[in-house]
């Protein structure tokens, strides 16, 4: 078989990386120090930053060869696939080349596991080192940590990368044993714990001396596959809450299961992947991170799965109608955040605006409140703005939405200036 060109290798390895959705980032403060690139306050990989900007990265695998045989993975050992590998120098060459052509703003580097976890991690570290030290590249770099690798290698990688991530993939030990028997929960969690500890430790040390180099300044993330195994939404959301609370996780990503292999251990997906379920999980995740909800408030043993017809915030409100309607001129911020149709910014605006006088229903619309949803749960100056009382039987029907989650399964062509969004599951509007 003839040897592949670098462009042909890139095409294969870019296609192999497209199923990993945990590639967005923000919060890095790595500044340009005389080299090229700048990772300051940017998000990467055709994803969305906190201020709504769409930015891009070179998203590739170091290699699609793998010693593991995970049932759900397109790169698993038993698949009849052309295996290729890039050298660390080739990874750096590609990154700098596309950056100089203004095609990318950074690098997202994942990999299969070749030989063993330690060897693979050393290759990832060397590629990152070449970019940072030889090319003086200050742009954003997100690198996958290989579970099972020596934790000292994790320490070295975190000093070079802006963000690191360890994909948990499956929510329970049981599903991991069934679908990825070569992996162990302990091998996945150990580097997560180490990264979390070093992020916290380094932040404290840098308060004393800014000369101490940052460690993964954009934090760590992980990915969970939704629908490949039988866990409930309660299990998934509770796991995410634990990751945020105990491991300093910056972001948990949810990926609807897409069958790419034929395997009797995998569920049969009829029609489209479970995109609406993925969308609801993102909404629940958002409520926990920004709205002050606990996992147990959104789901419990009696209701272990999210309502696909109703967003989780509206579902909570319908189960707690005794709290409504809220008078917006007196309600505290933490309760305003729980009103359907009032988002974080609009709640903050309400609190700020009412210091200058009582607000009316018309004022709320100007402050960004989605009144078609919020009007059933609030009053302003004692006035109720809906024609249906908050305890009316038809309220659920009024709030039920036709859920949509948009996704496009195509890796952007790195040779085409008109690049497309590859994987996107976004939450729009005020919850």
Protein backbone atom coordinates (compact mmCIF):
# COMPACT_ATOMS: atom_id res chain seq x y z
CA UNK A 1 0.00 0.00 0.00
CA UNK A 2 1.49 3.38 -1.01
CA UNK A 3 2.52 5.77 1.73
CA UNK A 4 -0.01 8.50 2.43
CA UNK A 5 0.75 12.15 1.96
CA UNK A 6 0.37 14.54 4.89
CA UNK A 7 -2.84 15.89 3.34
CA UNK A 8 -4.29 12.37 3.05
CA UNK A 9 -3.38 11.61 6.67
CA UNK A 10 -5.04 14.84 7.73
CA UNK A 11 -8.26 13.97 5.92
CA UNK A 12 -8.49 10.60 7.71
CA UNK A 13 -7.59 11.94 11.15
CA UNK A 14 -9.89 14.97 10.92
CA UNK A 15 -12.79 12.67 10.02
CA UNK A 16 -11.96 10.38 12.94
CA UNK A 17 -12.12 13.29 15.41
CA UNK A 18 -15.55 14.59 14.42
CA UNK A 19 -17.54 12.61 17.00
CA UNK A 20 -15.88 14.29 19.96
CA UNK A 21 -18.05 17.28 20.94
CA UNK A 22 -16.08 18.40 24.00
CA UNK A 23 -13.98 20.83 22.03
CA UNK A 24 -15.31 24.26 22.98
CA UNK A 25 -13.53 26.41 25.47
CA UNK A 26 -13.31 29.82 27.00
CA UNK A 27 -11.54 31.42 29.89
CA UNK A 28 -7.91 30.95 28.94
CA UNK A 29 -5.74 34.00 29.56
CA UNK A 30 -2.58 32.94 27.71
CA UNK A 31 -1.25 36.15 26.15
CA UNK A 32 1.01 36.67 23.17
CA UNK A 33 4.55 36.82 24.51
CA UNK A 34 6.38 37.59 21.31
CA UNK A 35 5.43 34.49 19.36
CA UNK A 36 2.29 33.91 17.28
CA UNK A 37 -1.33 33.45 18.33
CA UNK A 38 -3.34 34.55 21.33
CA UNK A 39 -5.69 32.38 23.38
CA UNK A 40 -7.06 35.20 25.52
CA UNK A 41 -10.80 34.90 26.17
CA UNK A 42 -11.60 32.78 23.16
CA UNK A 43 -13.59 29.64 22.46
CA UNK A 44 -12.47 27.11 19.90
CA UNK A 45 -13.56 24.51 17.33
CA UNK A 46 -16.44 26.10 15.49
CA UNK A 47 -18.09 26.62 18.81
CA UNK A 48 -19.61 29.53 20.66
CA UNK A 49 -17.88 31.77 23.17
CA UNK A 50 -19.68 33.36 26.09
CA UNK A 51 -20.22 36.53 24.04
CA UNK A 52 -21.67 34.64 21.07
CA UNK A 53 -18.63 34.59 18.76
CA UNK A 54 -18.03 31.56 16.54
CA UNK A 55 -14.39 30.53 16.34
CA UNK A 56 -12.46 27.67 14.79
CA UNK A 57 -9.68 25.20 15.48
CA UNK A 58 -7.76 22.43 13.83
CA UNK A 59 -9.55 19.37 15.23
CA UNK A 60 -7.66 16.16 14.58
CA UNK A 61 -6.49 12.87 16.02
CA UNK A 62 -2.82 12.20 16.55
CA UNK A 63 -3.66 8.66 15.40
CA UNK A 64 -6.76 6.61 14.70
CA UNK A 65 -4.95 3.43 15.70
CA UNK A 66 -6.12 2.10 19.06
CA UNK A 67 -5.39 -0.84 21.31
CA UNK A 68 -8.92 -0.66 22.76
CA UNK A 69 -12.09 -2.15 21.29
CA UNK A 70 -14.90 0.06 22.62
CA UNK A 71 -18.23 -0.99 21.09
CA UNK A 72 -19.36 2.56 20.25
CA UNK A 73 -16.11 3.97 18.81
CA UNK A 74 -15.45 4.37 15.10
CA UNK A 75 -11.71 3.90 15.75
CA UNK A 76 -12.00 0.68 17.75
CA UNK A 77 -9.36 -2.00 17.28
CA UNK A 78 -11.62 -4.50 15.45
CA UNK A 79 -12.80 -2.08 12.75
CA UNK A 80 -11.33 -2.55 9.29
CA UNK A 81 -9.98 1.00 8.97
CA UNK A 82 -6.87 2.48 7.37
CA UNK A 83 -4.69 3.36 10.37
CA UNK A 84 -2.47 6.40 10.24
CA UNK A 85 -0.40 8.37 12.72
CA UNK A 86 1.13 11.84 12.71
CA UNK A 87 4.48 12.59 14.26
CA UNK A 88 4.53 15.39 16.85
CA UNK A 89 6.42 17.54 14.35
CA UNK A 90 3.71 16.98 11.72
CA UNK A 91 0.99 18.02 14.19
CA UNK A 92 2.89 21.24 14.86
CA UNK A 93 3.55 21.83 11.16
CA UNK A 94 -0.14 21.47 10.28
CA UNK A 95 -1.26 23.72 13.12
CA UNK A 96 1.14 26.53 12.27
CA UNK A 97 0.40 26.21 8.56
CA UNK A 98 -3.36 26.57 8.96
CA UNK A 99 -2.95 29.31 11.56
CA UNK A 100 -0.78 31.39 9.24
CA UNK A 101 -3.41 31.02 6.52
CA UNK A 102 -5.97 32.39 9.00
CA UNK A 103 -7.99 29.16 8.79
CA UNK A 104 -7.87 28.35 12.52
CA UNK A 105 -7.34 29.97 15.89
CA UNK A 106 -6.04 26.97 17.81
CA UNK A 107 -5.73 23.21 18.10
CA UNK A 108 -7.94 20.46 19.47
CA UNK A 109 -5.85 17.30 19.65
CA UNK A 110 -7.33 13.93 20.53
CA UNK A 111 -6.04 10.44 19.81
CA UNK A 112 -6.46 6.71 19.85
CA UNK A 113 -4.20 4.80 22.20
CA UNK A 114 -1.11 3.44 20.46
CA UNK A 115 1.18 0.95 22.24
CA UNK A 116 0.13 2.04 25.74
CA UNK A 117 -1.26 5.14 27.52
CA UNK A 118 2.16 6.46 28.60
CA UNK A 119 3.65 6.28 25.11
CA UNK A 120 0.61 8.02 23.63
CA UNK A 121 0.73 10.79 26.24
CA UNK A 122 4.42 11.37 25.54
CA UNK A 123 3.59 11.92 21.85
CA UNK A 124 0.83 14.40 22.76
CA UNK A 125 3.15 16.27 25.12
CA UNK A 126 5.90 16.46 22.51
CA UNK A 127 3.52 17.85 19.87
CA UNK A 128 2.34 20.51 22.33
CA UNK A 129 5.90 21.29 23.43
CA UNK A 130 7.05 21.84 19.85
CA UNK A 131 4.22 24.30 19.28
CA UNK A 132 4.86 26.23 22.48
CA UNK A 133 8.65 26.24 22.63
CA UNK A 134 9.92 25.89 19.06
CA UNK A 135 7.15 27.74 17.18
CA UNK A 136 6.34 30.02 20.14
CA UNK A 137 2.65 29.43 19.49
CA UNK A 138 0.51 31.25 22.06
CA UNK A 139 -2.84 30.27 20.56
CA UNK A 140 -5.37 28.01 22.24
CA UNK A 141 -4.51 24.31 22.63
CA UNK A 142 -6.92 21.69 23.98
CA UNK A 143 -5.48 18.18 24.41
CA UNK A 144 -7.10 14.93 25.46
CA UNK A 145 -5.59 13.13 28.44
CA UNK A 146 -5.20 9.38 27.95
CA UNK A 147 -6.77 7.44 30.85
CA UNK A 148 -4.29 5.11 32.53
CA UNK A 149 -1.24 7.26 31.82
CA UNK A 150 1.22 8.17 34.56
CA UNK A 151 -0.07 11.20 36.48
CA UNK A 152 3.32 12.92 36.09
CA UNK A 153 2.60 13.04 32.35
CA UNK A 154 -0.75 14.67 33.12
CA UNK A 155 1.13 17.32 35.12
CA UNK A 156 3.44 18.05 32.18
CA UNK A 157 0.62 18.29 29.66
CA UNK A 158 -1.38 20.70 31.82
CA UNK A 159 1.55 23.14 31.90
CA UNK A 160 1.53 23.33 28.10
CA UNK A 161 -2.18 23.16 27.18
CA UNK A 162 -4.92 25.70 27.81
CA UNK A 163 -7.51 23.01 28.44
CA UNK A 164 -7.26 19.27 29.03
CA UNK A 165 -10.07 16.75 29.04
CA UNK A 166 -10.68 13.13 29.91
CA UNK A 167 -13.75 11.71 28.23
CA UNK A 168 -15.79 9.65 30.69
CA UNK A 169 -18.02 8.54 27.77
CA UNK A 170 -20.24 6.16 29.76
CA UNK A 171 -22.10 7.20 32.93
CA UNK A 172 -21.71 4.02 35.02
CA UNK A 173 -19.25 1.27 35.82
CA UNK A 174 -21.71 -1.28 34.47
CA UNK A 175 -22.00 0.32 31.03
CA UNK A 176 -18.23 0.84 30.90
CA UNK A 177 -17.65 -2.84 31.63
CA UNK A 178 -20.16 -3.84 28.95
CA UNK A 179 -19.19 -1.47 26.13
CA UNK A 180 -15.55 -0.57 26.90
CA UNK A 181 -14.16 -3.55 28.83
CA UNK A 182 -10.52 -2.50 28.23
CA UNK A 183 -11.05 0.66 30.31
CA UNK A 184 -11.68 1.12 34.02
CA UNK A 185 -13.55 3.84 35.92
CA UNK A 186 -10.52 4.32 38.19
CA UNK A 187 -8.21 4.98 35.23
CA UNK A 188 -10.62 7.64 33.93
CA UNK A 189 -11.29 9.38 37.25
CA UNK A 190 -7.67 9.45 38.50
CA UNK A 191 -6.41 12.02 35.96
CA UNK A 192 -9.61 14.06 36.42
CA UNK A 193 -8.91 14.30 40.15
CA UNK A 194 -5.27 15.16 39.55
CA UNK A 195 -6.15 17.91 37.07
CA UNK A 196 -8.76 19.33 39.44
CA UNK A 197 -6.27 19.39 42.32
CA UNK A 198 -3.57 21.07 40.25
CA UNK A 199 -5.95 23.70 38.87
CA UNK A 200 -6.98 24.72 42.39
CA UNK A 201 -3.43 24.49 43.75
CA UNK A 202 -1.93 26.55 40.93
CA UNK A 203 -4.55 29.27 41.24
CA UNK A 204 -3.69 29.66 44.92
CA UNK A 205 0.05 29.69 44.22
CA UNK A 206 -0.35 32.34 41.51
CA UNK A 207 -2.06 34.62 44.01
CA UNK A 208 1.31 34.74 45.78
CA UNK A 209 3.54 34.85 42.69
CA UNK A 210 2.47 35.44 39.07
CA UNK A 211 5.76 33.87 37.97
CA UNK A 212 4.33 30.43 38.62
CA UNK A 213 3.13 29.06 35.24
CA UNK A 214 -0.62 28.40 34.94
CA UNK A 215 -2.00 24.89 34.81
CA UNK A 216 -4.75 24.28 32.23
CA UNK A 217 -6.02 27.87 32.61
CA UNK A 218 -9.20 27.12 30.64
CA UNK A 219 -9.99 24.19 32.96
CA UNK A 220 -10.93 20.62 32.18
CA UNK A 221 -13.96 19.12 30.46
CA UNK A 222 -15.44 15.72 29.73
CA UNK A 223 -18.00 14.06 27.48
CA UNK A 224 -20.86 11.66 28.18
CA UNK A 225 -22.56 9.60 25.49
CA UNK A 226 -26.36 9.75 25.76
CA UNK A 227 -28.31 6.69 24.71
CA UNK A 228 -25.59 4.08 24.21
CA UNK A 229 -26.44 2.53 27.58
CA UNK A 230 -29.49 2.40 29.81
CA UNK A 231 -28.76 5.07 32.45
CA UNK A 232 -31.56 7.47 33.30
CA UNK A 233 -31.30 11.24 33.00
CA UNK A 234 -31.24 11.37 36.81
CA UNK A 235 -28.05 9.28 36.83
CA UNK A 236 -26.45 11.42 34.13
CA UNK A 237 -27.39 14.78 35.70
CA UNK A 238 -26.33 13.61 39.18
CA UNK A 239 -22.98 12.47 37.77
CA UNK A 240 -22.49 15.85 36.08
CA UNK A 241 -23.33 17.68 39.31
CA UNK A 242 -20.70 15.61 41.13
CA UNK A 243 -18.09 16.36 38.48
CA UNK A 244 -18.74 20.09 38.77
CA UNK A 245 -18.71 20.02 42.55
CA UNK A 246 -15.82 17.70 43.33
CA UNK A 247 -13.44 17.75 40.35
CA UNK A 248 -13.38 21.44 39.34
CA UNK A 249 -14.93 20.48 36.00
CA UNK A 250 -15.35 23.43 33.66
CA UNK A 251 -17.85 21.77 31.36
CA UNK A 252 -19.63 18.47 30.81
CA UNK A 253 -20.64 17.78 27.21
CA UNK A 254 -23.43 15.43 26.16
CA UNK A 255 -23.31 13.56 22.87
CA UNK A 256 -26.36 11.80 21.46
CA UNK A 257 -25.44 8.21 20.59
CA UNK A 258 -24.91 7.74 16.87
CA UNK A 259 -24.40 4.12 15.79
CA UNK A 260 -21.23 3.86 13.72
CA UNK A 261 -20.61 0.16 14.40
CA UNK A 262 -22.66 -3.02 14.27
CA UNK A 263 -22.48 -4.59 17.72
CA UNK A 264 -25.06 -6.63 19.61
CA UNK A 265 -24.18 -4.79 22.83
CA UNK A 266 -25.38 -1.50 21.40
CA UNK A 267 -29.01 -0.34 21.29
CA UNK A 268 -30.87 -0.10 18.00
CA UNK A 269 -31.50 3.53 17.06
CA UNK A 270 -34.64 3.93 14.99
CA UNK A 271 -34.77 7.18 13.08
CA UNK A 272 -32.57 10.04 14.28
CA UNK A 273 -30.22 9.98 17.31
CA UNK A 274 -31.74 11.12 20.66
CA UNK A 275 -31.07 14.79 19.97
CA UNK A 276 -34.02 16.17 21.94
CA UNK A 277 -32.86 14.24 25.01
CA UNK A 278 -29.34 15.62 24.52
CA UNK A 279 -30.83 19.11 24.28
CA UNK A 280 -32.79 18.69 27.52
CA UNK A 281 -29.66 17.49 29.31
CA UNK A 282 -27.82 20.60 28.18
CA UNK A 283 -30.69 22.72 29.52
CA UNK A 284 -30.62 20.90 32.86
CA UNK A 285 -26.84 21.33 32.99
CA UNK A 286 -27.26 25.06 32.33
CA UNK A 287 -29.79 25.33 35.17
CA UNK A 288 -27.34 23.71 37.58
CA UNK A 289 -24.39 25.87 36.53
CA UNK A 290 -26.03 29.27 36.18
CA UNK A 291 -29.48 29.23 37.78
CA UNK A 292 -28.81 27.66 41.16
CA UNK A 293 -30.74 24.42 40.65
CA UNK A 294 -29.65 21.17 42.27
CA UNK A 295 -29.89 17.88 40.39
CA UNK A 296 -32.47 16.60 42.89
CA UNK A 297 -34.77 19.54 42.13
CA UNK A 298 -34.90 18.70 38.44
CA UNK A 299 -35.24 14.91 38.69
CA UNK A 300 -35.90 12.27 41.31
CA UNK A 301 -36.64 8.56 41.59
CA UNK A 302 -40.28 9.11 40.66
CA UNK A 303 -39.32 11.20 37.62
CA UNK A 304 -35.92 9.82 36.55
CA UNK A 305 -36.04 11.21 33.00
CA UNK A 306 -36.47 14.72 31.65
CA UNK A 307 -39.73 15.63 29.93
CA UNK A 308 -38.98 15.77 26.22
CA UNK A 309 -41.98 18.04 25.57
CA UNK A 310 -41.19 20.61 28.24
CA UNK A 311 -37.96 22.34 29.20
CA UNK A 312 -36.73 21.38 32.70
CA UNK A 313 -37.20 24.85 34.18
CA UNK A 314 -40.85 24.98 33.13
CA UNK A 315 -41.28 21.44 34.46
CA UNK A 316 -39.93 22.50 37.85
CA UNK A 317 -42.22 25.54 37.90
CA UNK A 318 -45.30 23.41 37.20
CA UNK A 319 -44.37 21.13 40.10
CA UNK A 320 -43.96 24.14 42.42
CA UNK A 321 -46.96 26.31 41.58
CA UNK A 322 -47.36 27.16 45.27
CA UNK A 323 -44.41 29.57 44.84
CA UNK A 324 -46.14 31.57 42.11
CA UNK A 325 -46.99 34.18 41.03
CA UNK A 326 -43.92 36.14 42.10
CA UNK A 327 -44.08 39.90 42.46
CA UNK A 328 -41.05 40.99 40.45
CA UNK A 329 -40.61 44.20 42.45
CA UNK A 330 -39.97 42.24 45.65
CA UNK A 331 -38.78 38.73 44.69
CA UNK A 332 -35.10 37.95 45.42
CA UNK A 333 -32.73 37.21 42.55
CA UNK A 334 -32.58 33.48 43.32
CA UNK A 335 -36.35 33.16 42.84
CA UNK A 336 -36.46 35.35 39.75
CA UNK A 337 -33.97 32.96 38.16
CA UNK A 338 -36.50 30.16 38.57
CA UNK A 339 -39.25 31.86 36.56
CA UNK A 340 -39.65 30.42 33.03
CA UNK A 341 -38.79 33.15 30.56
CA UNK A 342 -36.43 35.02 32.88
CA UNK A 343 -32.75 34.39 32.21
CA UNK A 344 -29.68 35.34 34.18
CA UNK A 345 -29.18 38.70 32.49
CA UNK A 346 -32.83 39.71 32.59
CA UNK A 347 -33.06 38.75 36.29
CA UNK A 348 -30.02 40.91 37.04
CA UNK A 349 -31.53 43.76 35.03
CA UNK A 350 -34.78 43.51 37.01
CA UNK A 351 -32.93 43.72 40.33
CA UNK A 352 -30.95 46.71 39.11
CA UNK A 353 -33.86 48.55 37.47
CA UNK A 354 -36.29 48.24 40.37
CA UNK A 355 -33.93 50.22 42.59
CA UNK A 356 -35.06 53.26 40.64
CA UNK A 357 -38.79 52.58 40.96
CA UNK A 358 -41.44 49.89 40.63
CA UNK A 359 -41.47 48.02 37.34
CA UNK A 360 -44.49 47.40 35.17
CA UNK A 361 -45.18 44.43 32.87
CA UNK A 362 -44.20 46.61 29.90
CA UNK A 363 -40.88 47.37 31.58
CA UNK A 364 -40.11 43.65 31.89
CA UNK A 365 -40.31 43.08 28.17
CA UNK A 366 -37.84 45.89 27.60
CA UNK A 367 -35.49 44.24 30.12
CA UNK A 368 -35.36 41.05 28.06
CA UNK A 369 -37.98 38.92 29.82
CA UNK A 370 -39.75 36.46 27.50
CA UNK A 371 -43.25 37.48 28.50
CA UNK A 372 -45.07 34.77 26.55
CA UNK A 373 -43.64 32.33 29.11
CA UNK A 374 -43.03 34.44 32.20
CA UNK A 375 -46.48 36.06 32.34
CA UNK A 376 -48.04 32.94 33.89
CA UNK A 377 -45.68 33.11 36.89
CA UNK A 378 -45.25 36.80 37.77
CA UNK A 379 -47.02 39.98 38.71
CA UNK A 380 -45.76 43.55 38.42
CA UNK A 381 -47.25 46.21 40.69
CA UNK A 382 -49.78 43.54 41.60
CA UNK A 383 -50.92 43.09 38.01
CA UNK A 384 -51.08 39.58 36.55
CA UNK A 385 -50.37 39.61 32.83
CA UNK A 386 -51.87 36.32 31.67
CA UNK A 387 -55.38 35.18 30.89
CA UNK A 388 -54.74 31.86 32.62
CA UNK A 389 -54.13 31.50 36.35
CA UNK A 390 -50.88 29.74 37.32
CA UNK A 391 -52.80 26.78 38.72
CA UNK A 392 -54.99 26.31 35.64
CA UNK A 393 -55.10 22.85 34.09
CA UNK A 394 -54.17 24.17 30.65
CA UNK A 395 -50.90 25.77 31.71
CA UNK A 396 -48.77 22.80 30.75
CA UNK A 397 -50.28 22.84 27.28
CA UNK A 398 -49.46 26.53 26.95
CA UNK A 399 -45.84 25.95 27.95
CA UNK A 400 -45.23 22.81 25.94
CA UNK A 401 -42.84 23.52 23.13
CA UNK A 402 -41.82 21.66 20.07
CA UNK A 403 -38.29 20.80 21.12
CA UNK A 404 -35.57 21.03 18.53
CA UNK A 405 -31.86 20.39 18.69
CA UNK A 406 -29.94 21.22 15.55
CA UNK A 407 -26.93 19.20 14.55
CA UNK A 408 -24.89 18.83 11.42
CA UNK A 409 -22.65 15.80 11.19
CA UNK A 410 -19.92 16.99 8.87
CA UNK A 411 -16.32 17.81 9.63
CA UNK A 412 -15.35 21.19 8.12
CA UNK A 413 -13.01 20.90 5.18
CA UNK A 414 -9.66 22.33 6.20
CA UNK A 415 -8.91 22.97 2.53
CA UNK A 416 -12.01 25.04 1.91
CA UNK A 417 -12.30 28.63 3.06
CA UNK A 418 -16.07 28.23 3.50
CA UNK A 419 -15.89 25.97 6.54
CA UNK A 420 -19.08 24.63 8.11
CA UNK A 421 -20.09 24.11 11.71
CA UNK A 422 -19.33 20.50 12.49
CA UNK A 423 -21.15 19.57 15.68
CA UNK A 424 -23.45 22.00 17.44
CA UNK A 425 -26.08 21.54 20.10
CA UNK A 426 -26.95 24.98 21.39
CA UNK A 427 -29.39 26.36 23.88
CA UNK A 428 -31.13 29.44 22.59
CA UNK A 429 -33.41 31.92 24.26
CA UNK A 430 -34.14 32.49 27.93
CA UNK A 431 -34.88 29.35 29.93
